[in-house]
Amino acid sequence: TMIYPSEYEPWDGCLSGFPGRSPGYDALAFAIDECHKRG
């Protein structure tokens, strides 16, 4: 399962509380952007 919208595997439930359901945003893209802002 994934924390981003994948062509191959479903969403993990850790983000939305429901396995297979999107949390409404791309958690990997968000994390990358926030990490890079902090160097």
Full PDB file with SEQRES, HELIX, SHEET, SSBOND, CRYST1, ORIGX, SCALE, CONECT and MASTER records, all heavy atoms in Angstrom:
SEQRES   1 A   39  THR MET ILE TYR PRO SER GLU TYR GLU PRO TRP ASP GLY          
SEQRES   2 A   39  CYS LEU SER GLY PHE PRO GLY ARG SER PRO GLY TYR ASP          
SEQRES   3 A   39  ALA LEU ALA PHE ALA ILE ASP GLU CYS HIS LYS ARG GLY          
HELIX    1 AA1 GLY A   13  SER A   16  1                                   4    
HELIX    2 AA2 ALA A   27  LYS A   37  1                                  11    
CRYST1    1.000    1.000    1.000  90.00  90.00  90.00 P 1           1          
ORIGX1      1.000000  0.000000  0.000000        0.00000                         
ORIGX2      0.000000  1.000000  0.000000        0.00000                         
ORIGX3      0.000000  0.000000  1.000000        0.00000                         
SCALE1      1.000000  0.000000  0.000000        0.00000                         
SCALE2      0.000000  1.000000  0.000000        0.00000                         
SCALE3      0.000000  0.000000  1.000000        0.00000                         
ATOM      1  N   THR A   1       0.859  -1.194   0.000  1.00  0.00           N  
ATOM      2  CA  THR A   1       0.000   0.000   0.000  1.00  0.00           C  
ATOM      3  C   THR A   1       0.888   1.235   0.000  1.00  0.00           C  
ATOM      4  O   THR A   1       2.057   1.172   0.394  1.00  0.00           O  
ATOM      5  CB  THR A   1      -0.918   0.011   1.228  1.00  0.00           C  
ATOM      6  OG1 THR A   1      -0.113  -0.196   2.412  1.00  0.00           O  
ATOM      7  CG2 THR A   1      -1.971  -1.083   1.151  1.00  0.00           C  
ATOM      8  N   MET A   2       0.327   2.383  -0.381  1.00  0.00           N  
ATOM      9  CA  MET A   2       1.118   3.582  -0.627  1.00  0.00           C  
ATOM     10  C   MET A   2       0.589   4.805   0.121  1.00  0.00           C  
ATOM     11  O   MET A   2      -0.573   4.846   0.527  1.00  0.00           O  
ATOM     12  CB  MET A   2       1.118   3.910  -2.127  1.00  0.00           C  
ATOM     13  CG  MET A   2       1.688   2.820  -3.008  1.00  0.00           C  
ATOM     14  SD  MET A   2       3.450   2.537  -2.691  1.00  0.00           S  
ATOM     15  CE  MET A   2       3.908   1.616  -4.163  1.00  0.00           C  
ATOM     16  N   ILE A   3       1.459   5.830   0.222  1.00  0.00           N  
ATOM     17  CA  ILE A   3       1.021   7.128   0.755  1.00  0.00           C  
ATOM     18  C   ILE A   3       0.933   8.156  -0.380  1.00  0.00           C  
ATOM     19  O   ILE A   3       0.899   9.357  -0.123  1.00  0.00           O  
ATOM     20  CB  ILE A   3       1.939   7.639   1.882  1.00  0.00           C  
ATOM     21  CG1 ILE A   3       3.344   7.943   1.349  1.00  0.00           C  
ATOM     22  CG2 ILE A   3       1.986   6.657   3.046  1.00  0.00           C  
ATOM     23  CD1 ILE A   3       4.195   8.771   2.310  1.00  0.00           C  
ATOM     24  N   TYR A   4       0.893   7.684  -1.623  1.00  0.00           N  
ATOM     25  CA  TYR A   4       0.726   8.566  -2.782  1.00  0.00           C  
ATOM     26  C   TYR A   4      -0.177   7.843  -3.780  1.00  0.00           C  
ATOM     27  O   TYR A   4      -0.352   6.612  -3.707  1.00  0.00           O  
ATOM     28  CB  TYR A   4       2.084   8.895  -3.417  1.00  0.00           C  
ATOM     29  CG  TYR A   4       2.756   7.730  -4.108  1.00  0.00           C  
ATOM     30  CD1 TYR A   4       2.555   7.480  -5.469  1.00  0.00           C  
ATOM     31  CD2 TYR A   4       3.595   6.866  -3.414  1.00  0.00           C  
ATOM     32  CE1 TYR A   4       3.174   6.409  -6.115  1.00  0.00           C  
ATOM     33  CE2 TYR A   4       4.215   5.794  -4.043  1.00  0.00           C  
ATOM     34  CZ  TYR A   4       4.002   5.571  -5.392  1.00  0.00           C  
ATOM     35  OH  TYR A   4       4.597   4.500  -6.019  1.00  0.00           O  
ATOM     36  N   PRO A   5      -0.766   8.566  -4.716  1.00  0.00           N  
ATOM     37  CA  PRO A   5      -1.638   7.912  -5.709  1.00  0.00           C  
ATOM     38  C   PRO A   5      -0.800   7.120  -6.701  1.00  0.00           C  
ATOM     39  O   PRO A   5      -0.135   7.685  -7.573  1.00  0.00           O  
ATOM     40  CB  PRO A   5      -2.358   9.094  -6.377  1.00  0.00           C  
ATOM     41  CG  PRO A   5      -1.448  10.267  -6.164  1.00  0.00           C  
ATOM     42  CD  PRO A   5      -0.774  10.034  -4.848  1.00  0.00           C  
ATOM     43  N   SER A   6      -0.826   5.811  -6.598  1.00  0.00           N  
ATOM     44  CA  SER A   6       0.016   4.937  -7.396  1.00  0.00           C  
ATOM     45  C   SER A   6      -0.783   4.220  -8.477  1.00  0.00           C  
ATOM     46  O   SER A   6      -1.958   3.867  -8.270  1.00  0.00           O  
ATOM     47  CB  SER A   6       0.689   3.900  -6.493  1.00  0.00           C  
ATOM     48  OG  SER A   6       1.358   2.912  -7.247  1.00  0.00           O  
ATOM     49  N   GLU A   7      -0.119   3.979  -9.591  1.00  0.00           N  
ATOM     50  CA  GLU A   7      -0.728   3.192 -10.657  1.00  0.00           C  
ATOM     51  C   GLU A   7      -0.806   1.719 -10.276  1.00  0.00           C  
ATOM     52  O   GLU A   7      -1.618   0.971 -10.808  1.00  0.00           O  
ATOM     53  CB  GLU A   7       0.119   3.355 -11.939  1.00  0.00           C  
ATOM     54  CG  GLU A   7      -0.330   2.519 -13.106  1.00  0.00           C  
ATOM     55  CD  GLU A   7       0.623   2.612 -14.281  1.00  0.00           C  
ATOM     56  OE1 GLU A   7       1.481   3.526 -14.292  1.00  0.00           O  
ATOM     57  OE2 GLU A   7       0.526   1.756 -15.197  1.00  0.00           O  
ATOM     58  N   TYR A   8       0.024   1.314  -9.306  1.00  0.00           N  
ATOM     59  CA  TYR A   8       0.190  -0.112  -9.036  1.00  0.00           C  
ATOM     60  C   TYR A   8      -0.467  -0.592  -7.745  1.00  0.00           C  
ATOM     61  O   TYR A   8      -0.912  -1.742  -7.682  1.00  0.00           O  
ATOM     62  CB  TYR A   8       1.689  -0.446  -8.981  1.00  0.00           C  
ATOM     63  CG  TYR A   8       2.424  -0.113 -10.243  1.00  0.00           C  
ATOM     64  CD1 TYR A   8       3.232   1.012 -10.320  1.00  0.00           C  
ATOM     65  CD2 TYR A   8       2.284  -0.906 -11.382  1.00  0.00           C  
ATOM     66  CE1 TYR A   8       3.909   1.331 -11.496  1.00  0.00           C  
ATOM     67  CE2 TYR A   8       2.951  -0.598 -12.561  1.00  0.00           C  
ATOM     68  CZ  TYR A   8       3.757   0.524 -12.604  1.00  0.00           C  
ATOM     69  OH  TYR A   8       4.407   0.842 -13.775  1.00  0.00           O  
ATOM     70  N   GLU A   9      -0.523   0.237  -6.727  1.00  0.00           N  
ATOM     71  CA  GLU A   9      -1.007  -0.237  -5.425  1.00  0.00           C  
ATOM     72  C   GLU A   9      -1.951   0.778  -4.779  1.00  0.00           C  
ATOM     73  O   GLU A   9      -1.852   1.989  -5.042  1.00  0.00           O  
ATOM     74  CB  GLU A   9       0.184  -0.536  -4.494  1.00  0.00           C  
ATOM     75  CG  GLU A   9       1.015  -1.702  -5.012  1.00  0.00           C  
ATOM     76  CD  GLU A   9       2.129  -2.137  -4.078  1.00  0.00           C  
ATOM     77  OE1 GLU A   9       2.492  -1.370  -3.154  1.00  0.00           O  
ATOM     78  OE2 GLU A   9       2.654  -3.253  -4.267  1.00  0.00           O  
ATOM     79  N   PRO A  10      -2.853   0.294  -3.909  1.00  0.00           N  
ATOM     80  CA  PRO A  10      -3.852   1.181  -3.312  1.00  0.00           C  
ATOM     81  C   PRO A  10      -3.279   2.044  -2.183  1.00  0.00           C  
ATOM     82  O   PRO A  10      -2.170   1.830  -1.704  1.00  0.00           O  
ATOM     83  CB  PRO A  10      -4.885   0.185  -2.760  1.00  0.00           C  
ATOM     84  CG  PRO A  10      -4.097  -1.052  -2.462  1.00  0.00           C  
ATOM     85  CD  PRO A  10      -3.041  -1.123  -3.530  1.00  0.00           C  
ATOM     86  N   TRP A  11      -4.072   3.026  -1.778  1.00  0.00           N  
ATOM     87  CA  TRP A  11      -3.717   3.875  -0.641  1.00  0.00           C  
ATOM     88  C   TRP A  11      -3.650   3.049   0.641  1.00  0.00           C  
ATOM     89  O   TRP A  11      -4.466   2.162   0.873  1.00  0.00           O  
ATOM     90  CB  TRP A  11      -4.767   4.962  -0.431  1.00  0.00           C  
ATOM     91  CG  TRP A  11      -4.755   6.079  -1.419  1.00  0.00           C  
ATOM     92  CD1 TRP A  11      -5.525   6.188  -2.543  1.00  0.00           C  
ATOM     93  CD2 TRP A  11      -3.945   7.257  -1.363  1.00  0.00           C  
ATOM     94  NE1 TRP A  11      -5.255   7.365  -3.193  1.00  0.00           N  
ATOM     95  CE2 TRP A  11      -4.284   8.048  -2.489  1.00  0.00           C  
ATOM     96  CE3 TRP A  11      -2.977   7.723  -0.478  1.00  0.00           C  
ATOM     97  CZ2 TRP A  11      -3.684   9.275  -2.751  1.00  0.00           C  
ATOM     98  CZ3 TRP A  11      -2.382   8.960  -0.723  1.00  0.00           C  
ATOM     99  CH2 TRP A  11      -2.726   9.715  -1.858  1.00  0.00           C  
ATOM    100  N   ASP A  12      -2.683   3.363   1.479  1.00  0.00           N  
ATOM    101  CA  ASP A  12      -2.674   2.786   2.817  1.00  0.00           C  
ATOM    102  C   ASP A  12      -3.702   3.523   3.674  1.00  0.00           C  
ATOM    103  O   ASP A  12      -4.003   4.694   3.435  1.00  0.00           O  
ATOM    104  CB  ASP A  12      -1.292   2.913   3.453  1.00  0.00           C  
ATOM    105  CG  ASP A  12      -1.191   2.115   4.744  1.00  0.00           C  
ATOM    106  OD1 ASP A  12      -1.007   0.886   4.667  1.00  0.00           O  
ATOM    107  OD2 ASP A  12      -1.310   2.719   5.828  1.00  0.00           O  
ATOM    108  N   GLY A  13      -4.193   2.858   4.706  1.00  0.00           N  
ATOM    109  CA  GLY A  13      -5.216   3.461   5.551  1.00  0.00           C  
ATOM    110  C   GLY A  13      -4.679   4.413   6.611  1.00  0.00           C  
ATOM    111  O   GLY A  13      -5.466   5.032   7.335  1.00  0.00           O  
ATOM    112  N   CYS A  14      -3.348   4.554   6.720  1.00  0.00           N  
ATOM    113  CA  CYS A  14      -2.796   5.396   7.789  1.00  0.00           C  
ATOM    114  C   CYS A  14      -3.157   6.862   7.621  1.00  0.00           C  
ATOM    115  O   CYS A  14      -3.176   7.615   8.600  1.00  0.00           O  
ATOM    116  CB  CYS A  14      -1.281   5.237   7.863  1.00  0.00           C  
ATOM    117  SG  CYS A  14      -0.386   5.929   6.442  1.00  0.00           S  
ATOM    118  N   LEU A  15      -3.454   7.284   6.397  1.00  0.00           N  
ATOM    119  CA  LEU A  15      -3.719   8.699   6.137  1.00  0.00           C  
ATOM    120  C   LEU A  15      -5.198   9.059   6.295  1.00  0.00           C  
ATOM    121  O   LEU A  15      -5.542  10.045   6.956  1.00  0.00           O  
ATOM    122  CB  LEU A  15      -3.247   9.067   4.729  1.00  0.00           C  
ATOM    123  CG  LEU A  15      -1.738   8.944   4.486  1.00  0.00           C  
ATOM    124  CD1 LEU A  15      -1.437   8.940   2.999  1.00  0.00           C  
ATOM    125  CD2 LEU A  15      -1.003  10.085   5.177  1.00  0.00           C  
ATOM    126  N   SER A  16      -6.066   8.254   5.692  1.00  0.00           N  
ATOM    127  CA  SER A  16      -7.504   8.571   5.719  1.00  0.00           C  
ATOM    128  C   SER A  16      -8.273   7.807   6.788  1.00  0.00           C  
ATOM    129  O   SER A  16      -9.408   8.180   7.123  1.00  0.00           O  
ATOM    130  CB  SER A  16      -8.130   8.269   4.355  1.00  0.00           C  
ATOM    131  OG  SER A  16      -8.159   6.862   4.132  1.00  0.00           O  
ATOM    132  N   GLY A  17      -7.660   6.726   7.304  1.00  0.00           N  
ATOM    133  CA  GLY A  17      -8.380   5.869   8.247  1.00  0.00           C  
ATOM    134  C   GLY A  17      -9.087   4.725   7.562  1.00  0.00           C  
ATOM    135  O   GLY A  17      -9.603   3.828   8.226  1.00  0.00           O  
ATOM    136  N   PHE A  18      -9.096   4.737   6.224  1.00  0.00           N  
ATOM    137  CA  PHE A  18      -9.787   3.702   5.457  1.00  0.00           C  
ATOM    138  C   PHE A  18      -8.842   3.191   4.371  1.00  0.00           C  
ATOM    139  O   PHE A  18      -8.510   3.941   3.440  1.00  0.00           O  
ATOM    140  CB  PHE A  18     -11.068   4.248   4.814  1.00  0.00           C  
ATOM    141  CG  PHE A  18     -12.073   4.750   5.803  1.00  0.00           C  
ATOM    142  CD1 PHE A  18     -12.147   6.111   6.107  1.00  0.00           C  
ATOM    143  CD2 PHE A  18     -12.939   3.874   6.444  1.00  0.00           C  
ATOM    144  CE1 PHE A  18     -13.068   6.579   7.023  1.00  0.00           C  
ATOM    145  CE2 PHE A  18     -13.875   4.338   7.363  1.00  0.00           C  
ATOM    146  CZ  PHE A  18     -13.944   5.703   7.659  1.00  0.00           C  
ATOM    147  N   PRO A  19      -8.388   1.929   4.436  1.00  0.00           N  
ATOM    148  CA  PRO A  19      -7.511   1.388   3.390  1.00  0.00           C  
ATOM    149  C   PRO A  19      -8.146   1.534   2.016  1.00  0.00           C  
ATOM    150  O   PRO A  19      -9.327   1.216   1.829  1.00  0.00           O  
ATOM    151  CB  PRO A  19      -7.351  -0.083   3.788  1.00  0.00           C  
ATOM    152  CG  PRO A  19      -7.595  -0.103   5.268  1.00  0.00           C  
ATOM    153  CD  PRO A  19      -8.643   0.944   5.515  1.00  0.00           C  
ATOM    154  N   GLY A  20      -7.356   2.031   1.064  1.00  0.00           N  
ATOM    155  CA  GLY A  20      -7.846   2.207  -0.297  1.00  0.00           C  
ATOM    156  C   GLY A  20      -8.456   3.566  -0.571  1.00  0.00           C  
ATOM    157  O   GLY A  20      -8.734   3.888  -1.728  1.00  0.00           O  
ATOM    158  N   ARG A  21      -8.639   4.398   0.472  1.00  0.00           N  
ATOM    159  CA  ARG A  21      -9.273   5.706   0.282  1.00  0.00           C  
ATOM    160  C   ARG A  21      -8.234   6.821   0.343  1.00  0.00           C  
ATOM    161  O   ARG A  21      -7.374   6.839   1.215  1.00  0.00           O  
ATOM    162  CB  ARG A  21     -10.344   5.951   1.343  1.00  0.00           C  
ATOM    163  CG  ARG A  21     -11.065   7.297   1.167  1.00  0.00           C  
ATOM    164  CD  ARG A  21     -12.077   7.546   2.258  1.00  0.00           C  
ATOM    165  NE  ARG A  21     -13.141   6.544   2.258  1.00  0.00           N  
ATOM    166  CZ  ARG A  21     -14.189   6.576   3.085  1.00  0.00           C  
ATOM    167  NH1 ARG A  21     -14.278   7.550   4.000  1.00  0.00           N  
ATOM    168  NH2 ARG A  21     -15.116   5.635   3.031  1.00  0.00           N  
ATOM    169  N   SER A  22      -8.363   7.768  -0.583  1.00  0.00           N  
ATOM    170  CA  SER A  22      -7.443   8.898  -0.628  1.00  0.00           C  
ATOM    171  C   SER A  22      -7.660   9.829   0.569  1.00  0.00           C  
ATOM    172  O   SER A  22      -8.801  10.046   0.990  1.00  0.00           O  
ATOM    173  CB  SER A  22      -7.655   9.690  -1.920  1.00  0.00           C  
ATOM    174  OG  SER A  22      -6.983  10.936  -1.857  1.00  0.00           O  
ATOM    175  N   PRO A  23      -6.598  10.436   1.105  1.00  0.00           N  
ATOM    176  CA  PRO A  23      -6.744  11.417   2.174  1.00  0.00           C  
ATOM    177  C   PRO A  23      -7.090  12.802   1.641  1.00  0.00           C  
ATOM    178  O   PRO A  23      -7.245  13.750   2.423  1.00  0.00           O  
ATOM    179  CB  PRO A  23      -5.361  11.415   2.833  1.00  0.00           C  
ATOM    180  CG  PRO A  23      -4.427  11.119   1.712  1.00  0.00           C  
ATOM    181  CD  PRO A  23      -5.178  10.150   0.811  1.00  0.00           C  
ATOM    182  N   GLY A  24      -7.171  12.935   0.312  1.00  0.00           N  
ATOM    183  CA  GLY A  24      -7.506  14.229  -0.273  1.00  0.00           C  
ATOM    184  C   GLY A  24      -6.300  15.019  -0.732  1.00  0.00           C  
ATOM    185  O   GLY A  24      -6.442  16.133  -1.249  1.00  0.00           O  
ATOM    186  N   TYR A  25      -5.116  14.464  -0.562  1.00  0.00           N  
ATOM    187  CA  TYR A  25      -3.899  15.120  -1.026  1.00  0.00           C  
ATOM    188  C   TYR A  25      -2.810  14.074  -1.203  1.00  0.00           C  
ATOM    189  O   TYR A  25      -2.943  12.944  -0.728  1.00  0.00           O  
ATOM    190  CB  TYR A  25      -3.448  16.217  -0.052  1.00  0.00           C  
ATOM    191  CG  TYR A  25      -2.844  15.700   1.243  1.00  0.00           C  
ATOM    192  CD1 TYR A  25      -1.470  15.777   1.466  1.00  0.00           C  
ATOM    193  CD2 TYR A  25      -3.629  15.132   2.248  1.00  0.00           C  
ATOM    194  CE1 TYR A  25      -0.897  15.310   2.643  1.00  0.00           C  
ATOM    195  CE2 TYR A  25      -3.074  14.676   3.433  1.00  0.00           C  
ATOM    196  CZ  TYR A  25      -1.709  14.762   3.628  1.00  0.00           C  
ATOM    197  OH  TYR A  25      -1.141  14.293   4.790  1.00  0.00           O  
ATOM    198  N   ASP A  26      -1.744  14.463  -1.892  1.00  0.00           N  
ATOM    199  CA  ASP A  26      -0.614  13.571  -2.148  1.00  0.00           C  
ATOM    200  C   ASP A  26       0.401  13.745  -1.013  1.00  0.00           C  
ATOM    201  O   ASP A  26       1.142  14.732  -0.976  1.00  0.00           O  
ATOM    202  CB  ASP A  26       0.018  13.915  -3.500  1.00  0.00           C  
ATOM    203  CG  ASP A  26       1.109  12.939  -3.924  1.00  0.00           C  
ATOM    204  OD1 ASP A  26       1.766  12.371  -3.039  1.00  0.00           O  
ATOM    205  OD2 ASP A  26       1.315  12.777  -5.155  1.00  0.00           O  
ATOM    206  N   ALA A  27       0.429  12.794  -0.087  1.00  0.00           N  
ATOM    207  CA  ALA A  27       1.274  12.937   1.106  1.00  0.00           C  
ATOM    208  C   ALA A  27       2.760  12.917   0.768  1.00  0.00           C  
ATOM    209  O   ALA A  27       3.564  13.598   1.419  1.00  0.00           O  
ATOM    210  CB  ALA A  27       0.947  11.835   2.118  1.00  0.00           C  
ATOM    211  N   LEU A  28       3.157  12.141  -0.239  1.00  0.00           N  
ATOM    212  CA  LEU A  28       4.577  12.092  -0.598  1.00  0.00           C  
ATOM    213  C   LEU A  28       5.027  13.417  -1.191  1.00  0.00           C  
ATOM    214  O   LEU A  28       6.090  13.951  -0.817  1.00  0.00           O  
ATOM    215  CB  LEU A  28       4.827  10.952  -1.589  1.00  0.00           C  
ATOM    216  CG  LEU A  28       6.273  10.786  -2.057  1.00  0.00           C  
ATOM    217  CD1 LEU A  28       7.227  10.589  -0.885  1.00  0.00           C  
ATOM    218  CD2 LEU A  28       6.389   9.617  -3.043  1.00  0.00           C  
ATOM    219  N   ALA A  29       4.249  13.973  -2.105  1.00  0.00           N  
ATOM    220  CA  ALA A  29       4.600  15.270  -2.692  1.00  0.00           C  
ATOM    221  C   ALA A  29       4.655  16.350  -1.617  1.00  0.00           C  
ATOM    222  O   ALA A  29       5.559  17.198  -1.616  1.00  0.00           O  
ATOM    223  CB  ALA A  29       3.593  15.645  -3.776  1.00  0.00           C  
ATOM    224  N   PHE A  30       3.706  16.319  -0.698  1.00  0.00           N  
ATOM    225  CA  PHE A  30       3.686  17.303   0.385  1.00  0.00           C  
ATOM    226  C   PHE A  30       4.936  17.187   1.257  1.00  0.00           C  
ATOM    227  O   PHE A  30       5.585  18.187   1.584  1.00  0.00           O  
ATOM    228  CB  PHE A  30       2.430  17.097   1.234  1.00  0.00           C  
ATOM    229  CG  PHE A  30       2.354  17.987   2.443  1.00  0.00           C  
ATOM    230  CD1 PHE A  30       1.994  19.322   2.316  1.00  0.00           C  
ATOM    231  CD2 PHE A  30       2.643  17.495   3.707  1.00  0.00           C  
ATOM    232  CE1 PHE A  30       1.931  20.149   3.435  1.00  0.00           C  
ATOM    233  CE2 PHE A  30       2.588  18.300   4.820  1.00  0.00           C  
ATOM    234  CZ  PHE A  30       2.226  19.640   4.688  1.00  0.00           C  
ATOM    235  N   ALA A  31       5.305  15.952   1.621  1.00  0.00           N  
ATOM    236  CA  ALA A  31       6.466  15.732   2.479  1.00  0.00           C  
ATOM    237  C   ALA A  31       7.754  16.175   1.795  1.00  0.00           C  
ATOM    238  O   ALA A  31       8.637  16.772   2.427  1.00  0.00           O  
ATOM    239  CB  ALA A  31       6.555  14.263   2.877  1.00  0.00           C  
ATOM    240  N   ILE A  32       7.887  15.877   0.509  1.00  0.00           N  
ATOM    241  CA  ILE A  32       9.085  16.277  -0.231  1.00  0.00           C  
ATOM    242  C   ILE A  32       9.224  17.794  -0.235  1.00  0.00           C  
ATOM    243  O   ILE A  32      10.303  18.350   0.035  1.00  0.00           O  
ATOM    244  CB  ILE A  32       9.047  15.723  -1.668  1.00  0.00           C  
ATOM    245  CG1 ILE A  32       9.179  14.202  -1.656  1.00  0.00           C  
ATOM    246  CG2 ILE A  32      10.146  16.357  -2.526  1.00  0.00           C  
ATOM    247  CD1 ILE A  32       8.943  13.552  -3.001  1.00  0.00           C  
ATOM    248  N   ASP A  33       8.130  18.470  -0.515  1.00  0.00           N  
ATOM    249  CA  ASP A  33       8.158  19.938  -0.558  1.00  0.00           C  
ATOM    250  C   ASP A  33       8.543  20.514   0.807  1.00  0.00           C  
ATOM    251  O   ASP A  33       9.383  21.421   0.898  1.00  0.00           O  
ATOM    252  CB  ASP A  33       6.784  20.457  -0.990  1.00  0.00           C  
ATOM    253  CG  ASP A  33       6.769  21.960  -1.158  1.00  0.00           C  
ATOM    254  OD1 ASP A  33       7.655  22.497  -1.850  1.00  0.00           O  
ATOM    255  OD2 ASP A  33       5.873  22.619  -0.588  1.00  0.00           O  
ATOM    256  N   GLU A  34       7.977  19.977   1.880  1.00  0.00           N  
ATOM    257  CA  GLU A  34       8.254  20.500   3.213  1.00  0.00           C  
ATOM    258  C   GLU A  34       9.688  20.185   3.654  1.00  0.00           C  
ATOM    259  O   GLU A  34      10.338  20.997   4.318  1.00  0.00           O  
ATOM    260  CB  GLU A  34       7.252  19.934   4.223  1.00  0.00           C  
ATOM    261  CG  GLU A  34       5.821  20.411   4.024  1.00  0.00           C  
ATOM    262  CD  GLU A  34       5.670  21.921   4.213  1.00  0.00           C  
ATOM    263  OE1 GLU A  34       6.384  22.488   5.070  1.00  0.00           O  
ATOM    264  OE2 GLU A  34       4.843  22.523   3.507  1.00  0.00           O  
ATOM    265  N   CYS A  35      10.194  19.021   3.303  1.00  0.00           N  
ATOM    266  CA  CYS A  35      11.582  18.684   3.645  1.00  0.00           C  
ATOM    267  C   CYS A  35      12.553  19.601   2.901  1.00  0.00           C  
ATOM    268  O   CYS A  35      13.515  20.116   3.484  1.00  0.00           O  
ATOM    269  CB  CYS A  35      11.879  17.227   3.306  1.00  0.00           C  
ATOM    270  SG  CYS A  35      11.212  16.026   4.475  1.00  0.00           S  
ATOM    271  N   HIS A  36      12.303  19.818   1.628  1.00  0.00           N  
ATOM    272  CA  HIS A  36      13.199  20.652   0.833  1.00  0.00           C  
ATOM    273  C   HIS A  36      13.185  22.104   1.303  1.00  0.00           C  
ATOM    274  O   HIS A  36      14.218  22.786   1.241  1.00  0.00           O  
ATOM    275  CB  HIS A  36      12.836  20.550  -0.644  1.00  0.00           C  
ATOM    276  CG  HIS A  36      13.239  19.251  -1.262  1.00  0.00           C  
ATOM    277  ND1 HIS A  36      12.947  18.904  -2.574  1.00  0.00           N  
ATOM    278  CD2 HIS A  36      13.924  18.195  -0.754  1.00  0.00           C  
ATOM    279  CE1 HIS A  36      13.435  17.700  -2.837  1.00  0.00           C  
ATOM    280  NE2 HIS A  36      14.021  17.246  -1.737  1.00  0.00           N  
ATOM    281  N   LYS A  37      12.054  22.579   1.765  1.00  0.00           N  
ATOM    282  CA  LYS A  37      11.999  23.932   2.317  1.00  0.00           C  
ATOM    283  C   LYS A  37      12.945  24.083   3.506  1.00  0.00           C  
ATOM    284  O   LYS A  37      13.448  25.171   3.778  1.00  0.00           O  
ATOM    285  CB  LYS A  37      10.581  24.261   2.783  1.00  0.00           C  
ATOM    286  CG  LYS A  37       9.586  24.545   1.686  1.00  0.00           C  
ATOM    287  CD  LYS A  37       8.221  24.821   2.285  1.00  0.00           C  
ATOM    288  CE  LYS A  37       7.165  25.045   1.207  1.00  0.00           C  
ATOM    289  NZ  LYS A  37       5.819  25.249   1.808  1.00  0.00           N  
ATOM    290  N   ARG A  38      13.167  22.980   4.221  1.00  0.00           N  
ATOM    291  CA  ARG A  38      14.008  23.003   5.422  1.00  0.00           C  
ATOM    292  C   ARG A  38      15.432  22.520   5.142  1.00  0.00           C  
ATOM    293  O   ARG A  38      16.198  22.287   6.073  1.00  0.00           O  
ATOM    294  CB  ARG A  38      13.358  22.151   6.511  1.00  0.00           C  
ATOM    295  CG  ARG A  38      12.049  22.754   7.018  1.00  0.00           C  
ATOM    296  CD  ARG A  38      11.175  21.736   7.738  1.00  0.00           C  
ATOM    297  NE  ARG A  38       9.959  22.333   8.268  1.00  0.00           N  
ATOM    298  CZ  ARG A  38       8.883  22.614   7.543  1.00  0.00           C  
ATOM    299  NH1 ARG A  38       8.857  22.344   6.242  1.00  0.00           N  
ATOM    300  NH2 ARG A  38       7.819  23.164   8.099  1.00  0.00           N  
ATOM    301  N   GLY A  39      15.757  22.356   3.867  1.00  0.00           N  
ATOM    302  CA  GLY A  39      17.104  21.951   3.498  1.00  0.00           C  
ATOM    303  C   GLY A  39      17.428  20.500   3.765  1.00  0.00           C  
ATOM    304  O   GLY A  39      18.601  20.117   3.844  1.00  0.00           O  
TER     305      GLY A  39                                                      
MASTER        0    0    0    2    0    0    0    6  304    1    0    3          
END                                                                             
